[in-house]
Amino acid sequence: MGRAPQALTPERLRAAAQCPAGLSLPLQALWHDARGDWATAHRTVMNAQSAAAAWVHAYLHREEGDLDNARYWYRKAKRPEAAGELADEWAAIAAALLARD
């Protein structure tokens, strides 16, 4: 897993003009998603084999509107299916992953 810069917060990740160096693939995917680049975000986590990647993958399919696929990835991530605002879920995932990296 990558090492996130010490002071990186979800807000700073979202606002970063360039993807911060050293991020894990799931955090890189969230950064791309925050730029509106769903396809690159999806490619970034598509073949990753971690629970964190599965969680981001689930979020991306929920964002896409493919709820059946999202449910599959939530199960793989061992996370409950999200139902709230997408922006809130993005921030919650980013916070959890930044706390671990």
N, C-alpha and C. Protein backbone atom coordinates (compact mmCIF):
# COMPACT_ATOMS: atom_id res chain seq x y z
N MET A 1 0.84 -1.17 0.00
CA MET A 1 0.00 0.00 0.00
C MET A 1 0.88 1.23 0.00
N GLY A 2 0.44 2.30 -0.65
CA GLY A 2 1.20 3.55 -0.70
C GLY A 2 1.17 4.28 0.63
N ARG A 3 1.96 5.29 0.70
CA ARG A 3 1.98 6.12 1.91
C ARG A 3 1.44 7.49 1.55
N ALA A 4 0.31 7.86 2.14
CA ALA A 4 -0.27 9.18 1.90
C ALA A 4 0.54 10.22 2.66
N PRO A 5 0.70 11.41 2.08
CA PRO A 5 1.36 12.48 2.83
C PRO A 5 0.66 12.72 4.15
N GLN A 6 1.44 13.00 5.20
CA GLN A 6 0.92 13.14 6.56
C GLN A 6 -0.30 14.05 6.66
N ALA A 7 -0.27 15.22 6.05
CA ALA A 7 -1.33 16.21 6.25
C ALA A 7 -2.46 16.08 5.23
N LEU A 8 -2.50 15.02 4.48
CA LEU A 8 -3.53 14.88 3.46
C LEU A 8 -4.86 14.54 4.10
N THR A 9 -5.87 15.33 3.78
CA THR A 9 -7.23 15.13 4.25
C THR A 9 -8.11 14.85 3.03
N PRO A 10 -9.33 14.37 3.23
CA PRO A 10 -10.21 14.18 2.07
C PRO A 10 -10.39 15.48 1.28
N GLU A 11 -10.51 16.60 1.97
CA GLU A 11 -10.69 17.88 1.29
C GLU A 11 -9.47 18.24 0.45
N ARG A 12 -8.29 18.01 1.00
CA ARG A 12 -7.06 18.31 0.26
C ARG A 12 -6.88 17.34 -0.91
N LEU A 13 -7.25 16.10 -0.70
CA LEU A 13 -7.18 15.13 -1.80
C LEU A 13 -8.09 15.58 -2.93
N ARG A 14 -9.31 15.95 -2.60
CA ARG A 14 -10.28 16.39 -3.61
C ARG A 14 -9.79 17.62 -4.35
N ALA A 15 -9.13 18.53 -3.64
CA ALA A 15 -8.71 19.81 -4.22
C ALA A 15 -7.36 19.75 -4.92
N ALA A 16 -6.59 18.69 -4.73
CA ALA A 16 -5.24 18.62 -5.29
C ALA A 16 -5.27 18.72 -6.81
N ALA A 17 -4.45 19.61 -7.34
CA ALA A 17 -4.40 19.81 -8.79
C ALA A 17 -3.77 18.61 -9.50
N GLN A 18 -2.85 17.94 -8.83
CA GLN A 18 -2.24 16.72 -9.36
C GLN A 18 -2.36 15.63 -8.31
N CYS A 19 -2.39 14.40 -8.77
CA CYS A 19 -2.51 13.28 -7.85
C CYS A 19 -1.28 13.25 -6.94
N PRO A 20 -1.48 13.33 -5.63
CA PRO A 20 -0.34 13.30 -4.71
C PRO A 20 0.46 12.00 -4.86
N ALA A 21 1.76 12.13 -4.80
CA ALA A 21 2.65 10.98 -4.94
C ALA A 21 2.46 10.02 -3.77
N GLY A 22 2.64 8.75 -4.04
CA GLY A 22 2.66 7.75 -2.99
C GLY A 22 1.32 7.23 -2.53
N LEU A 23 0.25 7.59 -3.23
CA LEU A 23 -1.07 7.12 -2.81
C LEU A 23 -1.31 5.67 -3.23
N SER A 24 -2.08 4.96 -2.43
CA SER A 24 -2.52 3.62 -2.80
C SER A 24 -3.42 3.73 -4.04
N LEU A 25 -3.62 2.62 -4.73
CA LEU A 25 -4.48 2.61 -5.91
C LEU A 25 -5.91 3.08 -5.59
N PRO A 26 -6.52 2.63 -4.47
CA PRO A 26 -7.86 3.12 -4.18
C PRO A 26 -7.92 4.64 -3.99
N LEU A 27 -6.92 5.23 -3.34
CA LEU A 27 -6.91 6.68 -3.17
C LEU A 27 -6.64 7.38 -4.50
N GLN A 28 -5.80 6.80 -5.33
CA GLN A 28 -5.60 7.37 -6.67
C GLN A 28 -6.92 7.37 -7.44
N ALA A 29 -7.67 6.29 -7.32
CA ALA A 29 -8.96 6.20 -8.01
C ALA A 29 -9.92 7.27 -7.50
N LEU A 30 -9.95 7.49 -6.19
CA LEU A 30 -10.81 8.55 -5.65
C LEU A 30 -10.39 9.92 -6.18
N TRP A 31 -9.09 10.15 -6.29
CA TRP A 31 -8.61 11.43 -6.83
C TRP A 31 -9.11 11.60 -8.27
N HIS A 32 -8.98 10.56 -9.09
CA HIS A 32 -9.45 10.65 -10.48
C HIS A 32 -10.96 10.89 -10.51
N ASP A 33 -11.68 10.21 -9.65
CA ASP A 33 -13.13 10.39 -9.61
C ASP A 33 -13.49 11.83 -9.25
N ALA A 34 -12.76 12.41 -8.32
CA ALA A 34 -13.00 13.80 -7.93
C ALA A 34 -12.77 14.76 -9.09
N ARG A 35 -11.98 14.36 -10.06
CA ARG A 35 -11.73 15.18 -11.27
C ARG A 35 -12.80 14.94 -12.32
N GLY A 36 -13.73 14.04 -12.05
CA GLY A 36 -14.75 13.70 -13.03
C GLY A 36 -14.31 12.66 -14.04
N ASP A 37 -13.20 11.97 -13.75
CA ASP A 37 -12.66 10.97 -14.66
C ASP A 37 -13.01 9.57 -14.14
N TRP A 38 -14.27 9.21 -14.30
CA TRP A 38 -14.76 7.93 -13.80
C TRP A 38 -14.02 6.76 -14.45
N ALA A 39 -13.78 6.86 -15.75
CA ALA A 39 -13.16 5.74 -16.46
C ALA A 39 -11.76 5.44 -15.93
N THR A 40 -10.96 6.46 -15.69
CA THR A 40 -9.62 6.22 -15.14
C THR A 40 -9.71 5.72 -13.71
N ALA A 41 -10.64 6.28 -12.94
CA ALA A 41 -10.84 5.80 -11.56
C ALA A 41 -11.17 4.32 -11.57
N HIS A 42 -12.08 3.92 -12.44
CA HIS A 42 -12.49 2.52 -12.52
C HIS A 42 -11.34 1.63 -12.96
N ARG A 43 -10.60 2.05 -13.98
CA ARG A 43 -9.44 1.26 -14.43
C ARG A 43 -8.41 1.09 -13.31
N THR A 44 -8.27 2.11 -12.49
CA THR A 44 -7.26 2.09 -11.43
C THR A 44 -7.55 1.00 -10.40
N VAL A 45 -8.82 0.76 -10.07
CA VAL A 45 -9.15 -0.24 -9.05
C VAL A 45 -9.70 -1.55 -9.61
N MET A 46 -9.93 -1.58 -10.89
CA MET A 46 -10.61 -2.72 -11.51
C MET A 46 -9.94 -4.05 -11.19
N ASN A 47 -8.63 -4.12 -11.22
CA ASN A 47 -7.94 -5.40 -11.01
C ASN A 47 -7.21 -5.47 -9.67
N ALA A 48 -7.34 -4.45 -8.86
CA ALA A 48 -6.70 -4.47 -7.54
C ALA A 48 -7.41 -5.49 -6.66
N GLN A 49 -6.66 -6.13 -5.79
CA GLN A 49 -7.19 -7.25 -5.01
C GLN A 49 -7.32 -6.96 -3.52
N SER A 50 -7.66 -5.75 -3.16
CA SER A 50 -7.79 -5.43 -1.74
C SER A 50 -9.23 -5.06 -1.40
N ALA A 51 -9.56 -5.15 -0.13
CA ALA A 51 -10.89 -4.73 0.32
C ALA A 51 -11.10 -3.24 0.07
N ALA A 52 -10.04 -2.45 0.22
CA ALA A 52 -10.14 -1.01 -0.03
C ALA A 52 -10.47 -0.74 -1.49
N ALA A 53 -9.82 -1.46 -2.39
CA ALA A 53 -10.11 -1.30 -3.82
C ALA A 53 -11.55 -1.73 -4.13
N ALA A 54 -12.00 -2.80 -3.51
CA ALA A 54 -13.37 -3.26 -3.72
C ALA A 54 -14.37 -2.21 -3.23
N TRP A 55 -14.06 -1.54 -2.12
CA TRP A 55 -14.94 -0.50 -1.58
C TRP A 55 -15.05 0.66 -2.57
N VAL A 56 -13.91 1.11 -3.09
CA VAL A 56 -13.93 2.20 -4.08
C VAL A 56 -14.64 1.73 -5.34
N HIS A 57 -14.41 0.50 -5.74
CA HIS A 57 -15.06 -0.07 -6.92
C HIS A 57 -16.58 -0.05 -6.73
N ALA A 58 -17.04 -0.43 -5.54
CA ALA A 58 -18.48 -0.40 -5.24
C ALA A 58 -19.03 1.01 -5.37
N TYR A 59 -18.32 1.97 -4.76
CA TYR A 59 -18.74 3.37 -4.83
C TYR A 59 -18.85 3.83 -6.30
N LEU A 60 -17.86 3.48 -7.11
CA LEU A 60 -17.86 3.91 -8.50
C LEU A 60 -19.06 3.35 -9.26
N HIS A 61 -19.41 2.08 -9.00
CA HIS A 61 -20.56 1.51 -9.69
C HIS A 61 -21.87 2.09 -9.16
N ARG A 62 -21.91 2.46 -7.90
CA ARG A 62 -23.10 3.15 -7.38
C ARG A 62 -23.23 4.51 -8.06
N GLU A 63 -22.10 5.20 -8.19
CA GLU A 63 -22.10 6.51 -8.86
C GLU A 63 -22.58 6.36 -10.31
N GLU A 64 -22.17 5.30 -10.95
CA GLU A 64 -22.55 5.02 -12.33
C GLU A 64 -24.03 4.67 -12.45
N GLY A 65 -24.62 4.23 -11.35
CA GLY A 65 -26.02 3.80 -11.38
C GLY A 65 -26.19 2.31 -11.56
N ASP A 66 -25.11 1.56 -11.57
CA ASP A 66 -25.15 0.10 -11.71
C ASP A 66 -25.19 -0.52 -10.31
N LEU A 67 -26.38 -0.51 -9.71
CA LEU A 67 -26.51 -0.91 -8.31
C LEU A 67 -26.28 -2.40 -8.08
N ASP A 68 -26.63 -3.24 -9.03
CA ASP A 68 -26.35 -4.68 -8.87
C ASP A 68 -24.85 -4.93 -8.78
N ASN A 69 -24.09 -4.30 -9.66
CA ASN A 69 -22.64 -4.43 -9.66
C ASN A 69 -22.07 -3.82 -8.38
N ALA A 70 -22.60 -2.69 -7.98
CA ALA A 70 -22.14 -2.05 -6.74
C ALA A 70 -22.34 -2.98 -5.55
N ARG A 71 -23.51 -3.63 -5.47
CA ARG A 71 -23.79 -4.55 -4.35
C ARG A 71 -22.76 -5.67 -4.29
N TYR A 72 -22.39 -6.19 -5.45
CA TYR A 72 -21.37 -7.24 -5.51
C TYR A 72 -20.07 -6.74 -4.88
N TRP A 73 -19.64 -5.54 -5.25
CA TRP A 73 -18.38 -5.00 -4.75
C TRP A 73 -18.45 -4.61 -3.28
N TYR A 74 -19.60 -4.16 -2.82
CA TYR A 74 -19.75 -3.91 -1.37
C TYR A 74 -19.57 -5.22 -0.61
N ARG A 75 -20.14 -6.30 -1.13
CA ARG A 75 -19.97 -7.60 -0.47
C ARG A 75 -18.49 -8.01 -0.47
N LYS A 76 -17.81 -7.83 -1.60
CA LYS A 76 -16.37 -8.17 -1.67
C LYS A 76 -15.56 -7.33 -0.68
N ALA A 77 -15.98 -6.09 -0.48
CA ALA A 77 -15.27 -5.19 0.44
C ALA A 77 -15.66 -5.44 1.89
N LYS A 78 -16.70 -6.28 2.09
CA LYS A 78 -17.25 -6.51 3.44
C LYS A 78 -17.71 -5.21 4.07
N ARG A 79 -18.42 -4.42 3.25
CA ARG A 79 -18.95 -3.12 3.66
C ARG A 79 -20.45 -3.11 3.41
N PRO A 80 -21.20 -2.41 4.25
CA PRO A 80 -22.63 -2.29 3.97
C PRO A 80 -22.86 -1.42 2.73
N GLU A 81 -23.91 -1.74 2.02
CA GLU A 81 -24.26 -0.95 0.84
C GLU A 81 -24.60 0.47 1.26
N ALA A 82 -24.00 1.44 0.62
CA ALA A 82 -24.26 2.84 0.94
C ALA A 82 -25.56 3.29 0.30
N ALA A 83 -26.22 4.24 0.95
CA ALA A 83 -27.48 4.74 0.41
C ALA A 83 -27.55 6.26 0.47
N GLY A 84 -26.58 6.90 1.10
CA GLY A 84 -26.61 8.35 1.26
C GLY A 84 -26.08 9.07 0.03
N GLU A 85 -25.74 10.33 0.22
CA GLU A 85 -25.20 11.15 -0.85
C GLU A 85 -23.84 10.60 -1.31
N LEU A 86 -23.61 10.63 -2.59
CA LEU A 86 -22.34 10.15 -3.14
C LEU A 86 -21.16 10.95 -2.59
N ALA A 87 -21.30 12.25 -2.47
CA ALA A 87 -20.20 13.09 -1.95
C ALA A 87 -19.85 12.69 -0.52
N ASP A 88 -20.85 12.34 0.27
CA ASP A 88 -20.58 11.91 1.65
C ASP A 88 -19.87 10.57 1.67
N GLU A 89 -20.26 9.67 0.78
CA GLU A 89 -19.59 8.37 0.73
C GLU A 89 -18.14 8.54 0.26
N TRP A 90 -17.92 9.37 -0.75
CA TRP A 90 -16.56 9.63 -1.23
C TRP A 90 -15.69 10.11 -0.07
N ALA A 91 -16.20 11.08 0.67
CA ALA A 91 -15.43 11.66 1.79
C ALA A 91 -15.18 10.61 2.88
N ALA A 92 -16.16 9.77 3.16
CA ALA A 92 -15.99 8.74 4.20
C ALA A 92 -14.95 7.70 3.77
N ILE A 93 -15.00 7.29 2.51
CA ILE A 93 -14.00 6.33 2.02
C ILE A 93 -12.61 6.96 2.07
N ALA A 94 -12.50 8.19 1.57
CA ALA A 94 -11.21 8.87 1.57
C ALA A 94 -10.66 9.00 2.98
N ALA A 95 -11.49 9.40 3.93
CA ALA A 95 -11.03 9.56 5.32
C ALA A 95 -10.55 8.23 5.89
N ALA A 96 -11.31 7.17 5.65
CA ALA A 96 -10.93 5.86 6.18
C ALA A 96 -9.61 5.39 5.56
N LEU A 97 -9.47 5.55 4.26
CA LEU A 97 -8.24 5.08 3.60
C LEU A 97 -7.04 5.96 3.93
N LEU A 98 -7.24 7.25 4.06
CA LEU A 98 -6.13 8.13 4.45
C LEU A 98 -5.66 7.82 5.87
N ALA A 99 -6.57 7.44 6.72
CA ALA A 99 -6.21 7.11 8.11
C ALA A 99 -5.35 5.83 8.16
N ARG A 100 -5.53 4.95 7.17
CA ARG A 100 -4.78 3.69 7.13
C ARG A 100 -3.46 3.83 6.40
N ASP A 101 -3.41 4.65 5.37
CA ASP A 101 -2.19 4.77 4.54
C ASP A 101 -1.07 5.48 5.28
